[in-house]
PDB file of N, CA and C in Angstrom:
ATOM      1  N   MET A   1     -14.463  23.327  -9.537  1.00  0.00           N
ATOM      2  CA  MET A   1     -13.234  22.578  -9.367  1.00  0.00           C
ATOM      3  C   MET A   1     -12.907  22.497  -7.874  1.00  0.00           C
ATOM      4  N   PRO A   2     -12.588  21.281  -7.386  1.00  0.00           N
ATOM      5  CA  PRO A   2     -12.250  21.146  -5.963  1.00  0.00           C
ATOM      6  C   PRO A   2     -10.965  21.896  -5.631  1.00  0.00           C
ATOM      7  N   SER A   3     -10.904  22.387  -4.410  1.00  0.00           N
ATOM      8  CA  SER A   3      -9.683  23.065  -3.960  1.00  0.00           C
ATOM      9  C   SER A   3      -8.581  22.033  -3.719  1.00  0.00           C
ATOM     10  N   ARG A   4      -7.372  22.517  -3.557  1.00  0.00           N
ATOM     11  CA  ARG A   4      -6.239  21.633  -3.275  1.00  0.00           C
ATOM     12  C   ARG A   4      -6.479  20.858  -1.972  1.00  0.00           C
ATOM     13  N   GLU A   5      -7.031  21.525  -0.966  1.00  0.00           N
ATOM     14  CA  GLU A   5      -7.318  20.861   0.315  1.00  0.00           C
ATOM     15  C   GLU A   5      -8.353  19.765   0.144  1.00  0.00           C
ATOM     16  N   GLU A   6      -9.391  20.036  -0.666  1.00  0.00           N
ATOM     17  CA  GLU A   6     -10.414  19.016  -0.912  1.00  0.00           C
ATOM     18  C   GLU A   6      -9.820  17.817  -1.658  1.00  0.00           C
ATOM     19  N   LEU A   7      -8.962  18.076  -2.644  1.00  0.00           N
ATOM     20  CA  LEU A   7      -8.311  16.992  -3.377  1.00  0.00           C
ATOM     21  C   LEU A   7      -7.401  16.182  -2.455  1.00  0.00           C
ATOM     22  N   ASN A   8      -6.661  16.870  -1.591  1.00  0.00           N
ATOM     23  CA  ASN A   8      -5.814  16.159  -0.630  1.00  0.00           C
ATOM     24  C   ASN A   8      -6.659  15.274   0.279  1.00  0.00           C
ATOM     25  N   GLY A   9      -7.791  15.786   0.735  1.00  0.00           N
ATOM     26  CA  GLY A   9      -8.683  15.008   1.587  1.00  0.00           C
ATOM     27  C   GLY A   9      -9.215  13.772   0.889  1.00  0.00           C
ATOM     28  N   LEU A  10      -9.612  13.922  -0.362  1.00  0.00           N
ATOM     29  CA  LEU A  10     -10.094  12.779  -1.144  1.00  0.00           C
ATOM     30  C   LEU A  10      -8.983  11.751  -1.342  1.00  0.00           C
ATOM     31  N   ALA A  11      -7.788  12.225  -1.647  1.00  0.00           N
ATOM     32  CA  ALA A  11      -6.661  11.312  -1.849  1.00  0.00           C
ATOM     33  C   ALA A  11      -6.326  10.561  -0.561  1.00  0.00           C
ATOM     34  N   LEU A  12      -6.339  11.258   0.569  1.00  0.00           N
ATOM     35  CA  LEU A  12      -6.055  10.605   1.847  1.00  0.00           C
ATOM     36  C   LEU A  12      -7.100   9.543   2.169  1.00  0.00           C
ATOM     37  N   ARG A  13      -8.364   9.837   1.897  1.00  0.00           N
ATOM     38  CA  ARG A  13      -9.429   8.846   2.122  1.00  0.00           C
ATOM     39  C   ARG A  13      -9.212   7.622   1.238  1.00  0.00           C
ATOM     40  N   ALA A  14      -8.833   7.833  -0.015  1.00  0.00           N
ATOM     41  CA  ALA A  14      -8.597   6.711  -0.926  1.00  0.00           C
ATOM     42  C   ALA A  14      -7.431   5.853  -0.431  1.00  0.00           C
ATOM     43  N   VAL A  15      -6.357   6.489  -0.005  1.00  0.00           N
ATOM     44  CA  VAL A  15      -5.206   5.739   0.500  1.00  0.00           C
ATOM     45  C   VAL A  15      -5.599   4.952   1.743  1.00  0.00           C
ATOM     46  N   ARG A  16      -6.267   5.589   2.668  1.00  0.00           N
ATOM     47  CA  ARG A  16      -6.641   4.911   3.921  1.00  0.00           C
ATOM     48  C   ARG A  16      -7.591   3.746   3.671  1.00  0.00           C
ATOM     49  N   SER A  17      -8.435   3.841   2.649  1.00  0.00           N
ATOM     50  CA  SER A  17      -9.364   2.743   2.375  1.00  0.00           C
ATOM     51  C   SER A  17      -8.647   1.540   1.772  1.00  0.00           C
ATOM     52  N   ASN A  18      -7.411   1.729   1.300  1.00  0.00           N
ATOM     53  CA  ASN A  18      -6.643   0.635   0.728  1.00  0.00           C
ATOM     54  C   ASN A  18      -5.506   0.175   1.622  1.00  0.00           C
ATOM     55  N   LEU A  19      -5.591   0.486   2.911  1.00  0.00           N
ATOM     56  CA  LEU A  19      -4.605   0.008   3.881  1.00  0.00           C
ATOM     57  C   LEU A  19      -5.172  -1.185   4.631  1.00  0.00           C
ATOM     58  N   THR A  20      -4.343  -2.206   4.830  1.00  0.00           N
ATOM     59  CA  THR A  20      -4.761  -3.321   5.673  1.00  0.00           C
ATOM     60  C   THR A  20      -4.572  -2.907   7.137  1.00  0.00           C
ATOM     61  N   SER A  21      -4.959  -3.772   8.045  1.00  0.00           N
ATOM     62  CA  SER A  21      -4.791  -3.465   9.472  1.00  0.00           C
ATOM     63  C   SER A  21      -3.308  -3.372   9.855  1.00  0.00           C
ATOM     64  N   ASN A  22      -2.427  -3.950   9.031  1.00  0.00           N
ATOM     65  CA  ASN A  22      -0.980  -3.872   9.269  1.00  0.00           C
ATOM     66  C   ASN A  22      -0.316  -2.752   8.469  1.00  0.00           C
ATOM     67  N   PHE A  23      -1.127  -1.870   7.888  1.00  0.00           N
ATOM     68  CA  PHE A  23      -0.653  -0.712   7.121  1.00  0.00           C
ATOM     69  C   PHE A  23       0.086  -1.106   5.842  1.00  0.00           C
ATOM     70  N   GLU A  24      -0.360  -2.183   5.217  1.00  0.00           N
ATOM     71  CA  GLU A  24       0.136  -2.550   3.901  1.00  0.00           C
ATOM     72  C   GLU A  24      -0.786  -1.900   2.878  1.00  0.00           C
ATOM     73  N   VAL A  25      -0.206  -1.333   1.849  1.00  0.00           N
ATOM     74  CA  VAL A  25      -0.990  -0.691   0.799  1.00  0.00           C
ATOM     75  C   VAL A  25      -1.330  -1.736  -0.258  1.00  0.00           C
ATOM     76  N   ILE A  26      -2.622  -1.886  -0.539  1.00  0.00           N
ATOM     77  CA  ILE A  26      -3.048  -2.792  -1.597  1.00  0.00           C
ATOM     78  C   ILE A  26      -3.816  -1.989  -2.636  1.00  0.00           C
ATOM     79  N   ALA A  27      -3.850  -2.493  -3.849  1.00  0.00           N
ATOM     80  CA  ALA A  27      -4.453  -1.729  -4.946  1.00  0.00           C
ATOM     81  C   ALA A  27      -5.965  -1.580  -4.795  1.00  0.00           C
ATOM     82  N   ALA A  28      -6.663  -2.654  -4.490  1.00  0.00           N
ATOM     83  CA  ALA A  28      -8.127  -2.584  -4.411  1.00  0.00           C
ATOM     84  C   ALA A  28      -8.645  -3.685  -3.492  1.00  0.00           C
ATOM     85  N   PRO A  29      -9.077  -3.346  -2.292  1.00  0.00           N
ATOM     86  CA  PRO A  29      -9.551  -4.376  -1.367  1.00  0.00           C
ATOM     87  C   PRO A  29     -10.813  -5.074  -1.850  1.00  0.00           C
ATOM     88  N   ASN A  30     -11.659  -4.370  -2.568  1.00  0.00           N
ATOM     89  CA  ASN A  30     -12.850  -4.995  -3.124  1.00  0.00           C
ATOM     90  C   ASN A  30     -13.424  -4.092  -4.198  1.00  0.00           C
ATOM     91  N   GLY A  31     -14.394  -4.597  -4.883  1.00  0.00           N
ATOM     92  CA  GLY A  31     -14.999  -3.834  -5.961  1.00  0.00           C
ATOM     93  C   GLY A  31     -16.446  -4.232  -6.133  1.00  0.00           C
ATOM     94  N   PRO A  32     -17.034  -3.860  -7.238  1.00  0.00           N
ATOM     95  CA  PRO A  32     -18.449  -4.163  -7.449  1.00  0.00           C
ATOM     96  C   PRO A  32     -18.712  -5.662  -7.429  1.00  0.00           C
ATOM     97  N   GLY A  33     -19.351  -6.124  -6.384  1.00  0.00           N
ATOM     98  CA  GLY A  33     -19.771  -7.523  -6.325  1.00  0.00           C
ATOM     99  C   GLY A  33     -18.786  -8.490  -5.712  1.00  0.00           C
ATOM    100  N   ASN A  34     -17.520  -8.373  -5.993  1.00  0.00           N
ATOM    101  CA  ASN A  34     -16.545  -9.366  -5.540  1.00  0.00           C
ATOM    102  C   ASN A  34     -15.245  -8.703  -5.105  1.00  0.00           C
ATOM    103  N   PRO A  35     -14.485  -9.420  -4.255  1.00  0.00           N
ATOM    104  CA  PRO A  35     -13.143  -8.918  -3.971  1.00  0.00           C
ATOM    105  C   PRO A  35     -12.304  -8.970  -5.249  1.00  0.00           C
ATOM    106  N   HIS A  36     -11.410  -8.029  -5.398  1.00  0.00           N
ATOM    107  CA  HIS A  36     -10.479  -8.014  -6.528  1.00  0.00           C
ATOM    108  C   HIS A  36      -9.261  -8.841  -6.142  1.00  0.00           C
ATOM    109  N   LYS A  37      -9.366 -10.157  -6.240  1.00  0.00           N
ATOM    110  CA  LYS A  37      -8.286 -11.012  -5.758  1.00  0.00           C
ATOM    111  C   LYS A  37      -6.961 -10.740  -6.453  1.00  0.00           C
ATOM    112  N   GLU A  38      -6.996 -10.362  -7.719  1.00  0.00           N
ATOM    113  CA  GLU A  38      -5.751 -10.104  -8.431  1.00  0.00           C
ATOM    114  C   GLU A  38      -5.071  -8.824  -7.952  1.00  0.00           C
ATOM    115  N   TYR A  39      -5.785  -7.999  -7.208  1.00  0.00           N
ATOM    116  CA  TYR A  39      -5.205  -6.758  -6.708  1.00  0.00           C
ATOM    117  C   TYR A  39      -4.897  -6.817  -5.218  1.00  0.00           C
ATOM    118  N   LEU A  40      -5.083  -7.965  -4.622  1.00  0.00           N
ATOM    119  CA  LEU A  40      -4.804  -8.098  -3.197  1.00  0.00           C
ATOM    120  C   LEU A  40      -3.352  -8.512  -2.985  1.00  0.00           C
ATOM    121  N   HIS A  41      -2.450  -7.654  -3.402  1.00  0.00           N
ATOM    122  CA  HIS A  41      -1.023  -7.877  -3.219  1.00  0.00           C
ATOM    123  C   HIS A  41      -0.398  -6.608  -2.647  1.00  0.00           C
ATOM    124  N   ILE A  42       0.744  -6.804  -2.037  1.00  0.00           N
ATOM    125  CA  ILE A  42       1.523  -5.690  -1.522  1.00  0.00           C
ATOM    126  C   ILE A  42       2.646  -5.440  -2.526  1.00  0.00           C
ATOM    127  N   TRP A  43       2.726  -4.232  -3.011  1.00  0.00           N
ATOM    128  CA  TRP A  43       3.748  -3.852  -3.979  1.00  0.00           C
ATOM    129  C   TRP A  43       4.699  -2.895  -3.263  1.00  0.00           C
ATOM    130  N   PRO A  44       5.880  -3.362  -2.865  1.00  0.00           N
ATOM    131  CA  PRO A  44       6.782  -2.523  -2.055  1.00  0.00           C
ATOM    132  C   PRO A  44       7.081  -1.164  -2.673  1.00  0.00           C
ATOM    133  N   ARG A  45       7.415  -1.129  -3.965  1.00  0.00           N
ATOM    134  CA  ARG A  45       7.759   0.152  -4.589  1.00  0.00           C
ATOM    135  C   ARG A  45       6.590   1.123  -4.513  1.00  0.00           C
ATOM    136  N   ASP A  46       5.406   0.655  -4.891  1.00  0.00           N
ATOM    137  CA  ASP A  46       4.235   1.525  -4.871  1.00  0.00           C
ATOM    138  C   ASP A  46       3.901   1.961  -3.448  1.00  0.00           C
ATOM    139  N   SER A  47       4.054   1.044  -2.490  1.00  0.00           N
ATOM    140  CA  SER A  47       3.776   1.383  -1.092  1.00  0.00           C
ATOM    141  C   SER A  47       4.688   2.495  -0.608  1.00  0.00           C
ATOM    142  N   LEU A  48       5.970   2.418  -0.972  1.00  0.00           N
ATOM    143  CA  LEU A  48       6.906   3.449  -0.532  1.00  0.00           C
ATOM    144  C   LEU A  48       6.650   4.779  -1.228  1.00  0.00           C
ATOM    145  N   LEU A  49       6.228   4.749  -2.490  1.00  0.00           N
ATOM    146  CA  LEU A  49       5.862   5.998  -3.165  1.00  0.00           C
ATOM    147  C   LEU A  49       4.647   6.642  -2.495  1.00  0.00           C
ATOM    148  N   VAL A  50       3.680   5.832  -2.091  1.00  0.00           N
ATOM    149  CA  VAL A  50       2.523   6.347  -1.362  1.00  0.00           C
ATOM    150  C   VAL A  50       2.978   6.963  -0.045  1.00  0.00           C
ATOM    151  N   ALA A  51       3.882   6.282   0.667  1.00  0.00           N
ATOM    152  CA  ALA A  51       4.364   6.788   1.955  1.00  0.00           C
ATOM    153  C   ALA A  51       5.085   8.126   1.795  1.00  0.00           C
ATOM    154  N   ILE A  52       5.860   8.264   0.726  1.00  0.00           N
ATOM    155  CA  ILE A  52       6.566   9.534   0.492  1.00  0.00           C
ATOM    156  C   ILE A  52       5.564  10.671   0.343  1.00  0.00           C
ATOM    157  N   GLU A  53       4.552  10.467  -0.482  1.00  0.00           N
ATOM    158  CA  GLU A  53       3.541  11.510  -0.676  1.00  0.00           C
ATOM    159  C   GLU A  53       2.743  11.753   0.600  1.00  0.00           C
ATOM    160  N   LEU A  54       2.409  10.669   1.283  1.00  0.00           N
ATOM    161  CA  LEU A  54       1.589  10.779   2.487  1.00  0.00           C
ATOM    162  C   LEU A  54       2.337  11.458   3.624  1.00  0.00           C
ATOM    163  N   SER A  55       3.655  11.394   3.613  1.00  0.00           N
ATOM    164  CA  SER A  55       4.442  11.968   4.716  1.00  0.00           C
ATOM    165  C   SER A  55       4.209  13.469   4.869  1.00  0.00           C
ATOM    166  N   ASN A  56       3.763  14.124   3.820  1.00  0.00           N
ATOM    167  CA  ASN A  56       3.475  15.559   3.916  1.00  0.00           C
ATOM    168  C   ASN A  56       2.170  15.858   4.641  1.00  0.00           C
ATOM    169  N   HIS A  57       1.319  14.848   4.792  1.00  0.00           N
ATOM    170  CA  HIS A  57      -0.018  15.079   5.351  1.00  0.00           C
ATOM    171  C   HIS A  57      -0.343  14.202   6.556  1.00  0.00           C
ATOM    172  N   ASP A  58       0.285  13.034   6.645  1.00  0.00           N
ATOM    173  CA  ASP A  58      -0.024  12.094   7.724  1.00  0.00           C
ATOM    174  C   ASP A  58       1.242  11.295   8.033  1.00  0.00           C
ATOM    175  N   GLN A  59       2.148  11.930   8.767  1.00  0.00           N
ATOM    176  CA  GLN A  59       3.467  11.352   9.041  1.00  0.00           C
ATOM    177  C   GLN A  59       3.381   9.992   9.730  1.00  0.00           C
ATOM    178  N   LYS A  60       2.475   9.840  10.687  1.00  0.00           N
ATOM    179  CA  LYS A  60       2.384   8.580  11.441  1.00  0.00           C
ATOM    180  C   LYS A  60       1.999   7.416  10.535  1.00  0.00           C
ATOM    181  N   THR A  61       1.009   7.627   9.679  1.00  0.00           N
ATOM    182  CA  THR A  61       0.598   6.562   8.770  1.00  0.00           C
ATOM    183  C   THR A  61       1.706   6.260   7.774  1.00  0.00           C
ATOM    184  N   ALA A  62       2.374   7.289   7.284  1.00  0.00           N
ATOM    185  CA  ALA A  62       3.489   7.082   6.351  1.00  0.00           C
ATOM    186  C   ALA A  62       4.573   6.215   6.992  1.00  0.00           C
ATOM    187  N   GLU A  63       4.894   6.489   8.243  1.00  0.00           N
ATOM    188  CA  GLU A  63       5.910   5.695   8.950  1.00  0.00           C
ATOM    189  C   GLU A  63       5.467   4.251   9.110  1.00  0.00           C
ATOM    190  N   LYS A  64       4.180   4.032   9.390  1.00  0.00           N
ATOM    191  CA  LYS A  64       3.672   2.663   9.547  1.00  0.00           C
ATOM    192  C   LYS A  64       3.726   1.907   8.219  1.00  0.00           C
ATOM    193  N   ILE A  65       3.465   2.589   7.124  1.00  0.00           N
ATOM    194  CA  ILE A  65       3.564   1.951   5.809  1.00  0.00           C
ATOM    195  C   ILE A  65       5.008   1.536   5.540  1.00  0.00           C
ATOM    196  N   VAL A  66       5.949   2.434   5.810  1.00  0.00           N
ATOM    197  CA  VAL A  66       7.366   2.123   5.588  1.00  0.00           C
ATOM    198  C   VAL A  66       7.785   0.932   6.448  1.00  0.00           C
ATOM    199  N   LYS A  67       7.389   0.909   7.713  1.00  0.00           N
ATOM    200  CA  LYS A  67       7.730  -0.211   8.593  1.00  0.00           C
ATOM    201  C   LYS A  67       7.156  -1.517   8.067  1.00  0.00           C
ATOM    202  N   SER A  68       5.925  -1.478   7.535  1.00  0.00           N
ATOM    203  CA  SER A  68       5.330  -2.708   7.011  1.00  0.00           C
ATOM    204  C   SER A  68       6.124  -3.223   5.814  1.00  0.00           C
ATOM    205  N   VAL A  69       6.610  -2.320   4.965  1.00  0.00           N
ATOM    206  CA  VAL A  69       7.418  -2.735   3.819  1.00  0.00           C
ATOM    207  C   VAL A  69       8.757  -3.302   4.299  1.00  0.00           C
ATOM    208  N   LEU A  70       9.374  -2.635   5.255  1.00  0.00           N
ATOM    209  CA  LEU A  70      10.675  -3.094   5.741  1.00  0.00           C
ATOM    210  C   LEU A  70      10.596  -4.441   6.449  1.00  0.00           C
ATOM    211  N   ASN A  71       9.408  -4.851   6.874  1.00  0.00           N
ATOM    212  CA  ASN A  71       9.229  -6.151   7.516  1.00  0.00           C
ATOM    213  C   ASN A  71       9.018  -7.284   6.510  1.00  0.00           C
ATOM    214  N   LEU A  72       8.905  -6.953   5.219  1.00  0.00           N
ATOM    215  CA  LEU A  72       8.732  -7.990   4.207  1.00  0.00           C
ATOM    216  C   LEU A  72      10.043  -8.740   4.000  1.00  0.00           C
ATOM    217  N   PRO A  73       9.968 -10.047   3.727  1.00  0.00           N
ATOM    218  CA  PRO A  73      11.205 -10.785   3.465  1.00  0.00           C
ATOM    219  C   PRO A  73      11.850 -10.328   2.160  1.00  0.00           C
ATOM    220  N   THR A  74      13.155 -10.471   2.089  1.00  0.00           N
ATOM    221  CA  THR A  74      13.891 -10.086   0.882  1.00  0.00           C
ATOM    222  C   THR A  74      14.744 -11.260   0.412  1.00  0.00           C
ATOM    223  N   SER A  75      15.256 -11.148  -0.779  1.00  0.00           N
ATOM    224  CA  SER A  75      16.203 -12.119  -1.317  1.00  0.00           C
ATOM    225  C   SER A  75      17.491 -11.365  -1.605  1.00  0.00           C
ATOM    226  N   ASN A  76      18.552 -11.710  -0.906  1.00  0.00           N
ATOM    227  CA  ASN A  76      19.829 -10.994  -1.026  1.00  0.00           C
ATOM    228  C   ASN A  76      19.651  -9.500  -0.784  1.00  0.00           C
ATOM    229  N   GLY A  77      18.763  -9.149   0.129  1.00  0.00           N
ATOM    230  CA  GLY A  77      18.529  -7.755   0.468  1.00  0.00           C
ATOM    231  C   GLY A  77      17.606  -7.017  -0.484  1.00  0.00           C
ATOM    232  N   LEU A  78      17.093  -7.693  -1.501  1.00  0.00           N
ATOM    233  CA  LEU A  78      16.216  -7.056  -2.482  1.00  0.00           C
ATOM    234  C   LEU A  78      14.772  -7.499  -2.280  1.00  0.00           C
ATOM    235  N   PHE A  79      13.860  -6.575  -2.462  1.00  0.00           N
ATOM    236  CA  PHE A  79      12.451  -6.907  -2.374  1.00  0.00           C
ATOM    237  C   PHE A  79      11.997  -7.609  -3.637  1.00  0.00           C
ATOM    238  N   PHE A  80      11.030  -8.501  -3.490  1.00  0.00           N
ATOM    239  CA  PHE A  80      10.354  -9.068  -4.645  1.00  0.00           C
ATOM    240  C   PHE A  80       9.379  -8.022  -5.163  1.00  0.00           C
ATOM    241  N   GLN A  81       8.904  -8.199  -6.383  1.00  0.00           N
ATOM    242  CA  GLN A  81       8.013  -7.192  -6.969  1.00  0.00           C
ATOM    243  C   GLN A  81       6.690  -7.096  -6.217  1.00  0.00           C
ATOM    244  N   ARG A  82       6.168  -8.243  -5.786  1.00  0.00           N
ATOM    245  CA  ARG A  82       4.902  -8.205  -5.055  1.00  0.00           C
ATOM    246  C   ARG A  82       4.875  -9.331  -4.028  1.00  0.00           C
ATOM    247  N   TYR A  83       4.010  -9.165  -3.049  1.00  0.00           N
ATOM    248  CA  TYR A  83       3.867 -10.124  -1.961  1.00  0.00           C
ATOM    249  C   TYR A  83       2.389 -10.430  -1.750  1.00  0.00           C
ATOM    250  N   ASP A  84       2.125 -11.640  -1.257  1.00  0.00           N
ATOM    251  CA  ASP A  84       0.767 -11.942  -0.828  1.00  0.00           C
ATOM    252  C   ASP A  84       0.466 -11.130   0.419  1.00  0.00           C
ATOM    253  N   LEU A  85      -0.804 -10.985   0.743  1.00  0.00           N
ATOM    254  CA  LEU A  85      -1.191 -10.157   1.888  1.00  0.00           C
ATOM    255  C   LEU A  85      -0.570 -10.604   3.203  1.00  0.00           C
ATOM    256  N   ASN A  86      -0.367 -11.899   3.369  1.00  0.00           N
ATOM    257  CA  ASN A  86       0.200 -12.343   4.642  1.00  0.00           C
ATOM    258  C   ASN A  86       1.704 -12.061   4.723  1.00  0.00           C
ATOM    259  N   GLY A  87       2.287 -11.564   3.639  1.00  0.00           N
ATOM    260  CA  GLY A  87       3.692 -11.196   3.638  1.00  0.00           C
ATOM    261  C   GLY A  87       4.631 -12.385   3.589  1.00  0.00           C
ATOM    262  N   GLY A  88       4.081 -13.586   3.745  1.00  0.00           N
ATOM    263  CA  GLY A  88       4.931 -14.768   3.788  1.00  0.00           C
ATOM    264  C   GLY A  88       5.127 -15.432   2.444  1.00  0.00           C
ATOM    265  N   ASN A  89       4.069 -15.949   1.872  1.00  0.00           N
ATOM    266  CA  ASN A  89       4.170 -16.666   0.617  1.00  0.00           C
ATOM    267  C   ASN A  89       4.478 -15.703  -0.501  1.00  0.00           C
ATOM    268  N   LEU A  90       5.690 -15.714  -0.951  1.00  0.00           N
ATOM    269  CA  LEU A  90       6.121 -14.775  -1.984  1.00  0.00           C
ATOM    270  C   LEU A  90       5.472 -15.125  -3.309  1.00  0.00           C
ATOM    271  N   THR A  91       5.038 -14.110  -4.009  1.00  0.00           N
ATOM    272  CA  THR A  91       4.439 -14.292  -5.312  1.00  0.00           C
ATOM    273  C   THR A  91       5.328 -13.598  -6.315  1.00  0.00           C
ATOM    274  N   ARG A  92       5.886 -14.343  -7.212  1.00  0.00           N
ATOM    275  CA  ARG A  92       6.764 -13.762  -8.235  1.00  0.00           C
ATOM    276  C   ARG A  92       5.994 -13.599  -9.539  1.00  0.00           C
ATOM    277  N   MET A  93       6.269 -12.516 -10.209  1.00  0.00           N
ATOM    278  CA  MET A  93       5.663 -12.304 -11.509  1.00  0.00           C
ATOM    279  C   MET A  93       6.306 -13.265 -12.505  1.00  0.00           C
ATOM    280  N   PRO A  94       5.540 -13.810 -13.462  1.00  0.00           N
ATOM    281  CA  PRO A  94       6.130 -14.719 -14.453  1.00  0.00           C
ATOM    282  C   PRO A  94       7.112 -13.995 -15.344  1.00  0.00           C
TER     283      PRO A  94
END
């Protein structure tokens, strides 16, 4: 069984592999054979939950994730459920 430190290291690697250059958290940048286009979205709630957990191990990256979420456009001060990667064209769930 991996130690807690080994599990933390694996989790940090997984999170970092799903960060864009602007520190947006996406579900899956690519997969076997093709990009996972349906998973190339920014989910503000999930991003902030990742940042909360990450703040215990990598404060700088956690802060960059929070800043990227706070830079997303809102409607009446509320975030949409998901955003396209460019942060501009809002994608609403049906």
